[in-house]
N, C-alpha and C. Protein backbone atom coordinates (compact mmCIF):
# COMPACT_ATOMS: atom_id res chain seq x y z
N MET A 1 -24.79 8.43 7.85
CA MET A 1 -23.66 8.20 8.74
C MET A 1 -23.56 9.36 9.73
N ASN A 2 -23.60 9.04 11.02
CA ASN A 2 -23.54 10.10 12.03
C ASN A 2 -22.08 10.50 12.29
N TRP A 3 -21.90 11.52 13.12
CA TRP A 3 -20.55 12.05 13.32
C TRP A 3 -19.65 11.07 14.07
N GLN A 4 -20.26 10.24 14.96
CA GLN A 4 -19.45 9.25 15.68
C GLN A 4 -18.87 8.22 14.70
N GLU A 5 -19.70 7.76 13.77
CA GLU A 5 -19.23 6.80 12.78
C GLU A 5 -18.16 7.42 11.88
N PHE A 6 -18.37 8.68 11.50
CA PHE A 6 -17.41 9.36 10.63
C PHE A 6 -16.08 9.57 11.36
N THR A 7 -16.15 9.92 12.64
CA THR A 7 -14.93 10.09 13.44
C THR A 7 -14.18 8.77 13.55
N ALA A 8 -14.91 7.68 13.80
CA ALA A 8 -14.29 6.36 13.86
C ALA A 8 -13.64 5.99 12.53
N LEU A 9 -14.30 6.36 11.44
CA LEU A 9 -13.74 6.12 10.11
C LEU A 9 -12.41 6.86 9.94
N LEU A 10 -12.37 8.12 10.37
CA LEU A 10 -11.14 8.92 10.26
C LEU A 10 -10.01 8.34 11.10
N VAL A 11 -10.35 7.86 12.30
CA VAL A 11 -9.33 7.26 13.18
C VAL A 11 -8.76 5.99 12.53
N LEU A 12 -9.65 5.14 12.03
CA LEU A 12 -9.20 3.91 11.38
C LEU A 12 -8.38 4.24 10.14
N ALA A 13 -8.84 5.18 9.35
CA ALA A 13 -8.12 5.56 8.12
C ALA A 13 -6.72 6.07 8.45
N THR A 14 -6.61 6.86 9.49
CA THR A 14 -5.30 7.40 9.88
C THR A 14 -4.37 6.29 10.34
N ALA A 15 -4.88 5.42 11.22
CA ALA A 15 -4.05 4.35 11.76
C ALA A 15 -3.59 3.38 10.68
N MET A 16 -4.50 2.98 9.81
CA MET A 16 -4.16 2.00 8.79
C MET A 16 -3.34 2.60 7.65
N SER A 17 -3.64 3.83 7.28
CA SER A 17 -2.95 4.43 6.13
C SER A 17 -1.53 4.87 6.45
N PHE A 18 -1.32 5.38 7.65
CA PHE A 18 0.00 5.93 7.97
C PHE A 18 0.91 4.93 8.69
N SER A 19 0.39 3.77 9.06
CA SER A 19 1.28 2.75 9.65
C SER A 19 2.09 2.11 8.52
N PRO A 20 3.34 1.72 8.82
CA PRO A 20 4.18 1.13 7.77
C PRO A 20 3.56 -0.14 7.20
N GLY A 21 3.72 -0.29 5.93
CA GLY A 21 3.22 -1.46 5.22
C GLY A 21 3.90 -1.52 3.86
N PRO A 22 3.47 -2.42 2.99
CA PRO A 22 4.11 -2.54 1.68
C PRO A 22 4.05 -1.25 0.87
N ASN A 23 2.90 -0.57 0.89
CA ASN A 23 2.75 0.64 0.08
C ASN A 23 3.66 1.77 0.57
N THR A 24 3.62 2.05 1.85
CA THR A 24 4.41 3.17 2.38
C THR A 24 5.91 2.88 2.28
N THR A 25 6.28 1.62 2.50
CA THR A 25 7.69 1.24 2.37
C THR A 25 8.18 1.44 0.94
N LEU A 26 7.38 0.99 -0.02
CA LEU A 26 7.77 1.16 -1.42
C LEU A 26 7.78 2.63 -1.83
N SER A 27 6.83 3.40 -1.35
CA SER A 27 6.81 4.84 -1.66
C SER A 27 8.10 5.49 -1.18
N THR A 28 8.52 5.16 0.04
CA THR A 28 9.76 5.72 0.59
C THR A 28 10.97 5.28 -0.22
N ALA A 29 11.05 3.99 -0.49
CA ALA A 29 12.21 3.44 -1.19
C ALA A 29 12.30 3.97 -2.63
N LEU A 30 11.18 4.03 -3.32
CA LEU A 30 11.19 4.52 -4.70
C LEU A 30 11.63 5.97 -4.77
N ALA A 31 11.14 6.80 -3.84
CA ALA A 31 11.52 8.22 -3.84
C ALA A 31 12.97 8.40 -3.42
N ALA A 32 13.43 7.61 -2.47
CA ALA A 32 14.82 7.73 -2.01
C ALA A 32 15.80 7.32 -3.11
N ASN A 33 15.42 6.33 -3.89
CA ASN A 33 16.32 5.81 -4.93
C ASN A 33 16.19 6.54 -6.26
N GLY A 34 14.98 6.92 -6.62
CA GLY A 34 14.77 7.49 -7.95
C GLY A 34 14.22 8.90 -7.97
N GLY A 35 13.94 9.46 -6.81
CA GLY A 35 13.39 10.80 -6.74
C GLY A 35 11.87 10.80 -6.66
N LEU A 36 11.32 11.92 -6.24
CA LEU A 36 9.88 12.04 -6.05
C LEU A 36 9.10 11.86 -7.36
N PRO A 37 9.54 12.44 -8.49
CA PRO A 37 8.76 12.25 -9.72
C PRO A 37 8.58 10.78 -10.10
N ARG A 38 9.64 9.98 -9.95
CA ARG A 38 9.51 8.56 -10.28
C ARG A 38 8.55 7.87 -9.32
N ALA A 39 8.62 8.21 -8.05
CA ALA A 39 7.76 7.57 -7.04
C ALA A 39 6.30 7.94 -7.23
N MET A 40 6.01 9.08 -7.86
CA MET A 40 4.63 9.54 -7.98
C MET A 40 3.75 8.58 -8.77
N ARG A 41 4.33 7.84 -9.71
CA ARG A 41 3.52 6.85 -10.44
C ARG A 41 2.92 5.84 -9.46
N PHE A 42 3.76 5.38 -8.53
CA PHE A 42 3.29 4.42 -7.54
C PHE A 42 2.38 5.09 -6.52
N VAL A 43 2.74 6.28 -6.07
CA VAL A 43 1.94 7.02 -5.08
C VAL A 43 0.52 7.23 -5.61
N LEU A 44 0.37 7.53 -6.88
CA LEU A 44 -0.95 7.73 -7.48
C LEU A 44 -1.67 6.41 -7.73
N ALA A 45 -0.90 5.35 -7.95
CA ALA A 45 -1.51 4.04 -8.21
C ALA A 45 -2.17 3.46 -6.98
N VAL A 46 -1.60 3.72 -5.81
CA VAL A 46 -2.13 3.13 -4.58
C VAL A 46 -3.60 3.50 -4.35
N PRO A 47 -3.98 4.80 -4.34
CA PRO A 47 -5.39 5.10 -4.11
C PRO A 47 -6.31 4.59 -5.22
N VAL A 48 -5.81 4.56 -6.45
CA VAL A 48 -6.65 4.04 -7.55
C VAL A 48 -6.92 2.55 -7.34
N GLY A 49 -5.85 1.78 -7.12
CA GLY A 49 -6.01 0.35 -6.90
C GLY A 49 -6.82 0.04 -5.65
N TRP A 50 -6.56 0.82 -4.59
CA TRP A 50 -7.27 0.58 -3.35
C TRP A 50 -8.75 0.90 -3.48
N SER A 51 -9.09 1.94 -4.22
CA SER A 51 -10.50 2.28 -4.44
C SER A 51 -11.21 1.19 -5.23
N LEU A 52 -10.52 0.61 -6.22
CA LEU A 52 -11.10 -0.50 -6.97
C LEU A 52 -11.33 -1.70 -6.06
N LEU A 53 -10.36 -1.97 -5.18
CA LEU A 53 -10.50 -3.08 -4.24
C LEU A 53 -11.67 -2.85 -3.29
N LEU A 54 -11.81 -1.64 -2.77
CA LEU A 54 -12.93 -1.32 -1.89
C LEU A 54 -14.26 -1.50 -2.61
N ALA A 55 -14.33 -1.05 -3.87
CA ALA A 55 -15.56 -1.19 -4.66
C ALA A 55 -15.91 -2.66 -4.86
N LEU A 56 -14.91 -3.50 -5.14
CA LEU A 56 -15.17 -4.93 -5.31
C LEU A 56 -15.64 -5.56 -4.01
N CYS A 57 -15.03 -5.17 -2.90
CA CYS A 57 -15.46 -5.71 -1.60
C CYS A 57 -16.89 -5.28 -1.29
N ALA A 58 -17.21 -4.03 -1.58
CA ALA A 58 -18.58 -3.53 -1.34
C ALA A 58 -19.59 -4.25 -2.23
N ALA A 59 -19.14 -4.69 -3.42
CA ALA A 59 -20.03 -5.40 -4.34
C ALA A 59 -20.18 -6.87 -3.98
N GLY A 60 -19.42 -7.35 -2.99
CA GLY A 60 -19.58 -8.73 -2.54
C GLY A 60 -18.41 -9.65 -2.83
N ILE A 61 -17.42 -9.19 -3.60
CA ILE A 61 -16.26 -10.03 -3.91
C ILE A 61 -15.47 -10.35 -2.64
N GLY A 62 -15.42 -9.41 -1.70
CA GLY A 62 -14.72 -9.63 -0.45
C GLY A 62 -15.27 -10.82 0.31
N ALA A 63 -16.60 -10.97 0.29
CA ALA A 63 -17.23 -12.10 0.97
C ALA A 63 -16.80 -13.42 0.32
N LEU A 64 -16.62 -13.40 -1.00
CA LEU A 64 -16.15 -14.59 -1.71
C LEU A 64 -14.73 -14.96 -1.27
N VAL A 65 -13.87 -13.95 -1.11
CA VAL A 65 -12.49 -14.20 -0.67
C VAL A 65 -12.48 -14.79 0.73
N VAL A 66 -13.32 -14.25 1.60
CA VAL A 66 -13.40 -14.75 2.98
C VAL A 66 -13.94 -16.18 2.99
N ALA A 67 -14.92 -16.47 2.12
CA ALA A 67 -15.57 -17.78 2.11
C ALA A 67 -14.74 -18.85 1.40
N ALA A 68 -13.77 -18.45 0.58
CA ALA A 68 -12.98 -19.43 -0.19
C ALA A 68 -11.53 -19.43 0.29
N PRO A 69 -11.18 -20.31 1.22
CA PRO A 69 -9.82 -20.34 1.74
C PRO A 69 -8.75 -20.51 0.66
N ALA A 70 -9.06 -21.25 -0.39
CA ALA A 70 -8.07 -21.45 -1.47
C ALA A 70 -7.77 -20.13 -2.17
N LEU A 71 -8.79 -19.32 -2.40
CA LEU A 71 -8.60 -18.03 -3.05
C LEU A 71 -7.80 -17.09 -2.15
N ARG A 72 -8.12 -17.10 -0.87
CA ARG A 72 -7.36 -16.29 0.09
C ARG A 72 -5.89 -16.71 0.11
N PHE A 73 -5.66 -18.04 0.06
CA PHE A 73 -4.28 -18.55 0.06
C PHE A 73 -3.53 -18.08 -1.19
N VAL A 74 -4.18 -18.11 -2.35
CA VAL A 74 -3.54 -17.67 -3.59
C VAL A 74 -3.17 -16.20 -3.51
N ILE A 75 -4.09 -15.37 -3.01
CA ILE A 75 -3.81 -13.93 -2.87
C ILE A 75 -2.62 -13.72 -1.93
N LYS A 76 -2.63 -14.42 -0.80
CA LYS A 76 -1.52 -14.29 0.15
C LYS A 76 -0.20 -14.76 -0.46
N ALA A 77 -0.23 -15.89 -1.13
CA ALA A 77 1.00 -16.44 -1.70
C ALA A 77 1.58 -15.51 -2.77
N LEU A 78 0.73 -15.00 -3.64
CA LEU A 78 1.21 -14.07 -4.67
C LEU A 78 1.73 -12.78 -4.05
N GLY A 79 1.01 -12.27 -3.05
CA GLY A 79 1.44 -11.05 -2.38
C GLY A 79 2.77 -11.22 -1.67
N ILE A 80 2.93 -12.32 -0.95
CA ILE A 80 4.17 -12.60 -0.24
C ILE A 80 5.31 -12.77 -1.23
N GLY A 81 5.06 -13.52 -2.30
CA GLY A 81 6.09 -13.72 -3.32
C GLY A 81 6.54 -12.41 -3.95
N TYR A 82 5.59 -11.54 -4.24
CA TYR A 82 5.92 -10.26 -4.87
C TYR A 82 6.72 -9.38 -3.91
N LEU A 83 6.31 -9.34 -2.64
CA LEU A 83 7.06 -8.55 -1.65
C LEU A 83 8.48 -9.06 -1.48
N LEU A 84 8.65 -10.37 -1.45
CA LEU A 84 10.00 -10.93 -1.30
C LEU A 84 10.86 -10.64 -2.53
N TRP A 85 10.26 -10.67 -3.71
CA TRP A 85 10.98 -10.33 -4.93
C TRP A 85 11.43 -8.87 -4.90
N LEU A 86 10.52 -7.97 -4.49
CA LEU A 86 10.88 -6.56 -4.39
C LEU A 86 11.97 -6.35 -3.34
N ALA A 87 11.88 -7.06 -2.21
CA ALA A 87 12.89 -6.94 -1.16
C ALA A 87 14.26 -7.40 -1.69
N PHE A 88 14.27 -8.47 -2.45
CA PHE A 88 15.52 -8.96 -3.03
C PHE A 88 16.14 -7.93 -3.97
N LYS A 89 15.32 -7.35 -4.84
CA LYS A 89 15.83 -6.34 -5.77
C LYS A 89 16.34 -5.11 -5.02
N LEU A 90 15.61 -4.72 -4.00
CA LEU A 90 15.96 -3.52 -3.25
C LEU A 90 17.23 -3.72 -2.42
N SER A 91 17.41 -4.89 -1.85
CA SER A 91 18.52 -5.12 -0.92
C SER A 91 19.90 -5.00 -1.54
N GLY A 92 19.99 -5.14 -2.86
CA GLY A 92 21.30 -5.05 -3.49
C GLY A 92 21.58 -3.73 -4.17
N SER A 93 20.67 -2.78 -4.05
CA SER A 93 20.81 -1.49 -4.73
C SER A 93 21.62 -0.53 -3.87
N ALA A 94 22.76 -0.07 -4.45
CA ALA A 94 23.66 0.79 -3.68
C ALA A 94 23.92 2.13 -4.35
N THR A 95 23.28 2.39 -5.50
CA THR A 95 23.48 3.67 -6.18
C THR A 95 22.14 4.33 -6.44
N LEU A 96 22.12 5.65 -6.34
CA LEU A 96 20.89 6.39 -6.60
C LEU A 96 20.52 6.27 -8.06
N GLY A 97 19.24 6.04 -8.30
CA GLY A 97 18.77 5.92 -9.67
C GLY A 97 18.48 7.28 -10.29
N LYS A 98 18.53 7.29 -11.60
CA LYS A 98 18.14 8.47 -12.36
C LYS A 98 16.98 8.06 -13.23
N ALA A 99 16.27 9.07 -13.76
CA ALA A 99 15.12 8.77 -14.61
C ALA A 99 15.56 7.85 -15.74
N GLY A 100 14.82 6.77 -15.93
CA GLY A 100 15.12 5.84 -17.00
C GLY A 100 16.00 4.67 -16.57
N ASP A 101 16.61 4.72 -15.39
CA ASP A 101 17.41 3.59 -14.92
C ASP A 101 16.53 2.36 -14.77
N ALA A 102 17.15 1.21 -14.92
CA ALA A 102 16.40 -0.05 -14.78
C ALA A 102 16.48 -0.57 -13.35
N GLN A 103 16.80 0.33 -12.41
CA GLN A 103 16.87 -0.05 -11.01
C GLN A 103 15.46 -0.44 -10.54
N LEU A 104 15.23 -0.50 -9.27
CA LEU A 104 13.92 -0.85 -8.75
C LEU A 104 12.86 0.07 -9.34
N GLN A 105 11.93 -0.50 -10.07
CA GLN A 105 10.85 0.29 -10.64
C GLN A 105 9.53 -0.41 -10.38
N VAL A 106 8.59 0.32 -9.88
CA VAL A 106 7.23 -0.17 -9.70
C VAL A 106 6.35 0.89 -10.33
N GLY A 107 5.82 0.59 -11.49
CA GLY A 107 5.03 1.57 -12.23
C GLY A 107 3.59 1.65 -11.76
N PHE A 108 2.81 2.43 -12.48
CA PHE A 108 1.41 2.67 -12.11
C PHE A 108 0.61 1.36 -12.12
N GLY A 109 0.72 0.60 -13.21
CA GLY A 109 -0.03 -0.66 -13.30
C GLY A 109 0.33 -1.65 -12.21
N GLN A 110 1.63 -1.77 -11.94
CA GLN A 110 2.07 -2.66 -10.87
C GLN A 110 1.56 -2.17 -9.51
N GLY A 111 1.56 -0.86 -9.32
CA GLY A 111 1.06 -0.29 -8.07
C GLY A 111 -0.41 -0.58 -7.85
N VAL A 112 -1.20 -0.49 -8.93
CA VAL A 112 -2.62 -0.80 -8.84
C VAL A 112 -2.80 -2.28 -8.50
N MET A 113 -2.09 -3.15 -9.22
CA MET A 113 -2.23 -4.59 -9.00
C MET A 113 -1.73 -5.04 -7.62
N LEU A 114 -0.72 -4.34 -7.10
CA LEU A 114 -0.20 -4.70 -5.78
C LEU A 114 -1.29 -4.61 -4.72
N GLN A 115 -2.25 -3.72 -4.89
CA GLN A 115 -3.32 -3.59 -3.89
C GLN A 115 -4.13 -4.87 -3.78
N PHE A 116 -4.25 -5.59 -4.89
CA PHE A 116 -5.03 -6.83 -4.89
C PHE A 116 -4.24 -8.01 -4.34
N LEU A 117 -2.93 -7.82 -4.11
CA LEU A 117 -2.09 -8.85 -3.51
C LEU A 117 -1.70 -8.50 -2.08
N ASN A 118 -2.23 -7.38 -1.60
CA ASN A 118 -1.86 -6.86 -0.29
C ASN A 118 -2.93 -7.25 0.73
N ILE A 119 -2.61 -8.21 1.58
CA ILE A 119 -3.59 -8.69 2.56
C ILE A 119 -4.02 -7.56 3.51
N LYS A 120 -3.10 -6.65 3.85
CA LYS A 120 -3.46 -5.51 4.70
C LYS A 120 -4.56 -4.68 4.02
N ALA A 121 -4.45 -4.49 2.70
CA ALA A 121 -5.47 -3.74 1.97
C ALA A 121 -6.80 -4.48 1.96
N TRP A 122 -6.75 -5.80 1.77
CA TRP A 122 -7.98 -6.60 1.81
C TRP A 122 -8.65 -6.51 3.18
N LEU A 123 -7.85 -6.65 4.25
CA LEU A 123 -8.42 -6.60 5.60
C LEU A 123 -9.07 -5.26 5.88
N LEU A 124 -8.42 -4.18 5.46
CA LEU A 124 -8.99 -2.85 5.67
C LEU A 124 -10.26 -2.68 4.87
N ALA A 125 -10.25 -3.11 3.61
CA ALA A 125 -11.44 -2.98 2.77
C ALA A 125 -12.61 -3.77 3.35
N LEU A 126 -12.33 -5.00 3.79
CA LEU A 126 -13.39 -5.83 4.38
C LEU A 126 -13.90 -5.23 5.68
N THR A 127 -13.01 -4.67 6.49
CA THR A 127 -13.42 -4.02 7.74
C THR A 127 -14.34 -2.83 7.46
N LEU A 128 -13.97 -2.03 6.49
CA LEU A 128 -14.78 -0.86 6.15
C LEU A 128 -16.15 -1.25 5.62
N VAL A 129 -16.17 -2.26 4.76
CA VAL A 129 -17.45 -2.70 4.20
C VAL A 129 -18.33 -3.26 5.32
N ALA A 130 -17.75 -4.10 6.18
CA ALA A 130 -18.54 -4.71 7.26
C ALA A 130 -18.99 -3.69 8.29
N GLY A 131 -18.14 -2.71 8.60
CA GLY A 131 -18.46 -1.77 9.67
C GLY A 131 -19.22 -0.54 9.25
N TRP A 132 -19.09 -0.13 7.99
CA TRP A 132 -19.68 1.15 7.58
C TRP A 132 -20.66 1.06 6.41
N ILE A 133 -20.62 -0.04 5.64
CA ILE A 133 -21.41 -0.04 4.40
C ILE A 133 -22.44 -1.17 4.35
N ALA A 134 -21.99 -2.42 4.50
CA ALA A 134 -22.86 -3.58 4.29
C ALA A 134 -24.05 -3.59 5.24
N GLY A 135 -25.20 -3.95 4.69
CA GLY A 135 -26.41 -4.09 5.49
C GLY A 135 -27.08 -2.79 5.89
N GLN A 136 -26.55 -1.66 5.48
CA GLN A 136 -27.13 -0.37 5.82
C GLN A 136 -28.13 0.05 4.73
N PRO A 137 -29.25 0.67 5.12
CA PRO A 137 -30.23 1.07 4.10
C PRO A 137 -29.69 2.13 3.14
N ASP A 138 -28.70 2.89 3.58
CA ASP A 138 -28.10 3.92 2.73
C ASP A 138 -26.68 3.52 2.32
N ALA A 139 -26.52 2.23 1.95
CA ALA A 139 -25.19 1.68 1.66
C ALA A 139 -24.49 2.44 0.53
N ALA A 140 -25.21 2.80 -0.51
CA ALA A 140 -24.58 3.50 -1.64
C ALA A 140 -24.06 4.87 -1.20
N ARG A 141 -24.86 5.57 -0.38
CA ARG A 141 -24.43 6.88 0.10
C ARG A 141 -23.23 6.74 1.03
N ARG A 142 -23.23 5.70 1.84
CA ARG A 142 -22.10 5.46 2.73
C ARG A 142 -20.83 5.15 1.93
N PHE A 143 -20.97 4.35 0.89
CA PHE A 143 -19.81 4.06 0.03
C PHE A 143 -19.29 5.36 -0.58
N ALA A 144 -20.19 6.24 -0.97
CA ALA A 144 -19.80 7.52 -1.58
C ALA A 144 -19.08 8.43 -0.59
N ILE A 145 -19.20 8.16 0.70
CA ILE A 145 -18.46 8.90 1.73
C ILE A 145 -17.14 8.20 2.04
N VAL A 146 -17.21 6.87 2.26
CA VAL A 146 -16.04 6.10 2.66
C VAL A 146 -14.97 6.09 1.57
N ALA A 147 -15.35 5.87 0.33
CA ALA A 147 -14.37 5.73 -0.76
C ALA A 147 -13.50 6.98 -0.94
N PRO A 148 -14.09 8.19 -1.02
CA PRO A 148 -13.22 9.36 -1.17
C PRO A 148 -12.33 9.62 0.05
N VAL A 149 -12.86 9.35 1.24
CA VAL A 149 -12.05 9.53 2.45
C VAL A 149 -10.82 8.62 2.38
N MET A 150 -11.03 7.37 2.04
CA MET A 150 -9.92 6.43 1.98
C MET A 150 -8.98 6.75 0.82
N LEU A 151 -9.51 7.25 -0.28
CA LEU A 151 -8.68 7.65 -1.41
C LEU A 151 -7.73 8.77 -1.00
N VAL A 152 -8.26 9.76 -0.28
CA VAL A 152 -7.44 10.88 0.19
C VAL A 152 -6.38 10.39 1.16
N PHE A 153 -6.75 9.53 2.09
CA PHE A 153 -5.78 9.02 3.06
C PHE A 153 -4.71 8.15 2.39
N ALA A 154 -5.11 7.33 1.42
CA ALA A 154 -4.13 6.50 0.71
C ALA A 154 -3.11 7.37 -0.02
N PHE A 155 -3.60 8.43 -0.67
CA PHE A 155 -2.67 9.33 -1.35
C PHE A 155 -1.80 10.08 -0.35
N ALA A 156 -2.42 10.65 0.69
CA ALA A 156 -1.68 11.48 1.64
C ALA A 156 -0.59 10.68 2.35
N SER A 157 -0.88 9.46 2.76
CA SER A 157 0.12 8.67 3.47
C SER A 157 1.28 8.30 2.56
N ASN A 158 0.98 7.84 1.36
CA ASN A 158 2.06 7.44 0.46
C ASN A 158 2.86 8.63 -0.04
N PHE A 159 2.20 9.75 -0.24
CA PHE A 159 2.92 10.96 -0.65
C PHE A 159 3.84 11.42 0.48
N THR A 160 3.36 11.36 1.72
CA THR A 160 4.19 11.75 2.87
C THR A 160 5.43 10.88 2.98
N TYR A 161 5.25 9.57 2.87
CA TYR A 161 6.39 8.66 2.94
C TYR A 161 7.34 8.89 1.76
N ALA A 162 6.80 9.13 0.57
CA ALA A 162 7.64 9.40 -0.60
C ALA A 162 8.42 10.69 -0.41
N LEU A 163 7.77 11.68 0.16
CA LEU A 163 8.44 12.96 0.41
C LEU A 163 9.62 12.78 1.37
N VAL A 164 9.42 11.98 2.40
CA VAL A 164 10.52 11.69 3.33
C VAL A 164 11.66 11.00 2.58
N GLY A 165 11.33 10.03 1.74
CA GLY A 165 12.36 9.35 0.96
C GLY A 165 13.11 10.31 0.05
N ALA A 166 12.38 11.21 -0.61
CA ALA A 166 13.01 12.18 -1.50
C ALA A 166 13.91 13.15 -0.73
N LEU A 167 13.49 13.55 0.46
CA LEU A 167 14.30 14.46 1.28
C LEU A 167 15.58 13.80 1.78
N LEU A 168 15.58 12.48 1.86
CA LEU A 168 16.76 11.75 2.32
C LEU A 168 17.78 11.48 1.21
N ARG A 169 17.42 11.76 -0.04
CA ARG A 169 18.29 11.39 -1.18
C ARG A 169 19.72 11.92 -1.05
N ASP A 170 19.89 13.19 -0.77
CA ASP A 170 21.24 13.75 -0.69
C ASP A 170 22.05 13.10 0.43
N TRP A 171 21.41 12.91 1.57
CA TRP A 171 22.08 12.28 2.70
C TRP A 171 22.45 10.83 2.37
N LEU A 172 21.56 10.13 1.67
CA LEU A 172 21.81 8.72 1.33
C LEU A 172 22.89 8.54 0.27
N ALA A 173 23.18 9.60 -0.47
CA ALA A 173 24.16 9.50 -1.56
C ALA A 173 25.60 9.34 -1.04
N ARG A 174 25.82 9.57 0.22
CA ARG A 174 27.17 9.52 0.78
C ARG A 174 27.51 8.13 1.31
N GLY A 175 28.66 7.64 0.91
CA GLY A 175 29.15 6.36 1.43
C GLY A 175 28.20 5.21 1.12
N ALA A 176 28.06 4.31 2.09
CA ALA A 176 27.22 3.12 1.91
C ALA A 176 25.83 3.32 2.52
N ARG A 177 25.45 4.57 2.78
CA ARG A 177 24.17 4.82 3.44
C ARG A 177 22.99 4.28 2.64
N LEU A 178 23.02 4.49 1.33
CA LEU A 178 21.90 4.04 0.49
C LEU A 178 21.75 2.53 0.55
N LEU A 179 22.86 1.81 0.48
CA LEU A 179 22.80 0.35 0.55
C LEU A 179 22.14 -0.09 1.85
N TRP A 180 22.55 0.50 2.97
CA TRP A 180 21.98 0.10 4.25
C TRP A 180 20.53 0.56 4.40
N PHE A 181 20.21 1.71 3.84
CA PHE A 181 18.81 2.16 3.83
C PHE A 181 17.96 1.18 3.03
N ASN A 182 18.43 0.80 1.85
CA ASN A 182 17.68 -0.14 1.01
C ASN A 182 17.54 -1.50 1.68
N ARG A 183 18.59 -1.91 2.37
CA ARG A 183 18.49 -3.18 3.10
C ARG A 183 17.48 -3.08 4.24
N ALA A 184 17.41 -1.93 4.90
CA ALA A 184 16.41 -1.73 5.96
C ALA A 184 15.00 -1.75 5.37
N MET A 185 14.81 -1.08 4.21
CA MET A 185 13.50 -1.09 3.55
C MET A 185 13.14 -2.51 3.10
N ALA A 186 14.14 -3.25 2.59
CA ALA A 186 13.91 -4.64 2.19
C ALA A 186 13.51 -5.48 3.40
N ALA A 187 14.15 -5.23 4.55
CA ALA A 187 13.81 -5.96 5.77
C ALA A 187 12.37 -5.69 6.19
N VAL A 188 11.92 -4.43 6.03
CA VAL A 188 10.52 -4.11 6.35
C VAL A 188 9.58 -4.89 5.44
N LEU A 189 9.93 -4.99 4.15
CA LEU A 189 9.10 -5.77 3.23
C LEU A 189 9.08 -7.24 3.62
N VAL A 190 10.23 -7.78 4.03
CA VAL A 190 10.29 -9.18 4.46
C VAL A 190 9.46 -9.38 5.73
N LEU A 191 9.56 -8.45 6.67
CA LEU A 191 8.74 -8.54 7.90
C LEU A 191 7.25 -8.45 7.57
N THR A 192 6.90 -7.60 6.60
CA THR A 192 5.49 -7.51 6.18
C THR A 192 5.04 -8.82 5.59
N ALA A 193 5.91 -9.45 4.76
CA ALA A 193 5.58 -10.75 4.18
C ALA A 193 5.39 -11.79 5.29
N ALA A 194 6.26 -11.75 6.30
CA ALA A 194 6.14 -12.70 7.42
C ALA A 194 4.84 -12.47 8.19
N TRP A 195 4.47 -11.19 8.38
CA TRP A 195 3.20 -10.88 9.04
C TRP A 195 2.03 -11.40 8.23
N MET A 196 2.13 -11.27 6.90
CA MET A 196 1.05 -11.76 6.04
C MET A 196 0.88 -13.27 6.15
N LEU A 197 1.97 -13.99 6.41
CA LEU A 197 1.89 -15.44 6.57
C LEU A 197 1.01 -15.82 7.75
N LYS A 198 1.02 -14.98 8.80
CA LYS A 198 0.32 -15.31 10.04
C LYS A 198 -1.17 -15.00 10.00
N ILE A 199 -1.61 -14.17 9.08
CA ILE A 199 -3.02 -13.77 9.09
C ILE A 199 -3.83 -14.56 8.08
């Protein structure tokens, strides 16, 4: 992989990882409601799940998803349903959570599985495989470069969003701010679900 390809990879990784989506929205909301330690389970799950998804796409599973419209529809439907369920739970939350509360919780396993229901994650993984890995004589070496780069970006973006959410906790604790913040985060999830319907 030459430096132009690597630079393009970094640009794509930055744009896709730091733009709002289901992962970054949930990272922010979890940290704002339950604190940074609670959000870290999800923040750590995102790069793990995303790396597994990238590996499956590189192994050819992504081509199967593209070739089977019914499978793509099932992934989209499950992803949209899950995002709408999370938005519903989030929209009614008006009190800051403490460790152990049964408020909005998305654990490590759910965070990993969410990557497989996230059409944005699938599109990015397929783009990376098609543009940087598939059909190249050094495909394994390229995967060994792309995967860690994306893992770092997935962690960095979600940690940054979670940190912002955690820093807002004290401010959100006053009045009805948390309720309106949660409703705004829920609206972002609903808009993401609507965007997923179109692709």
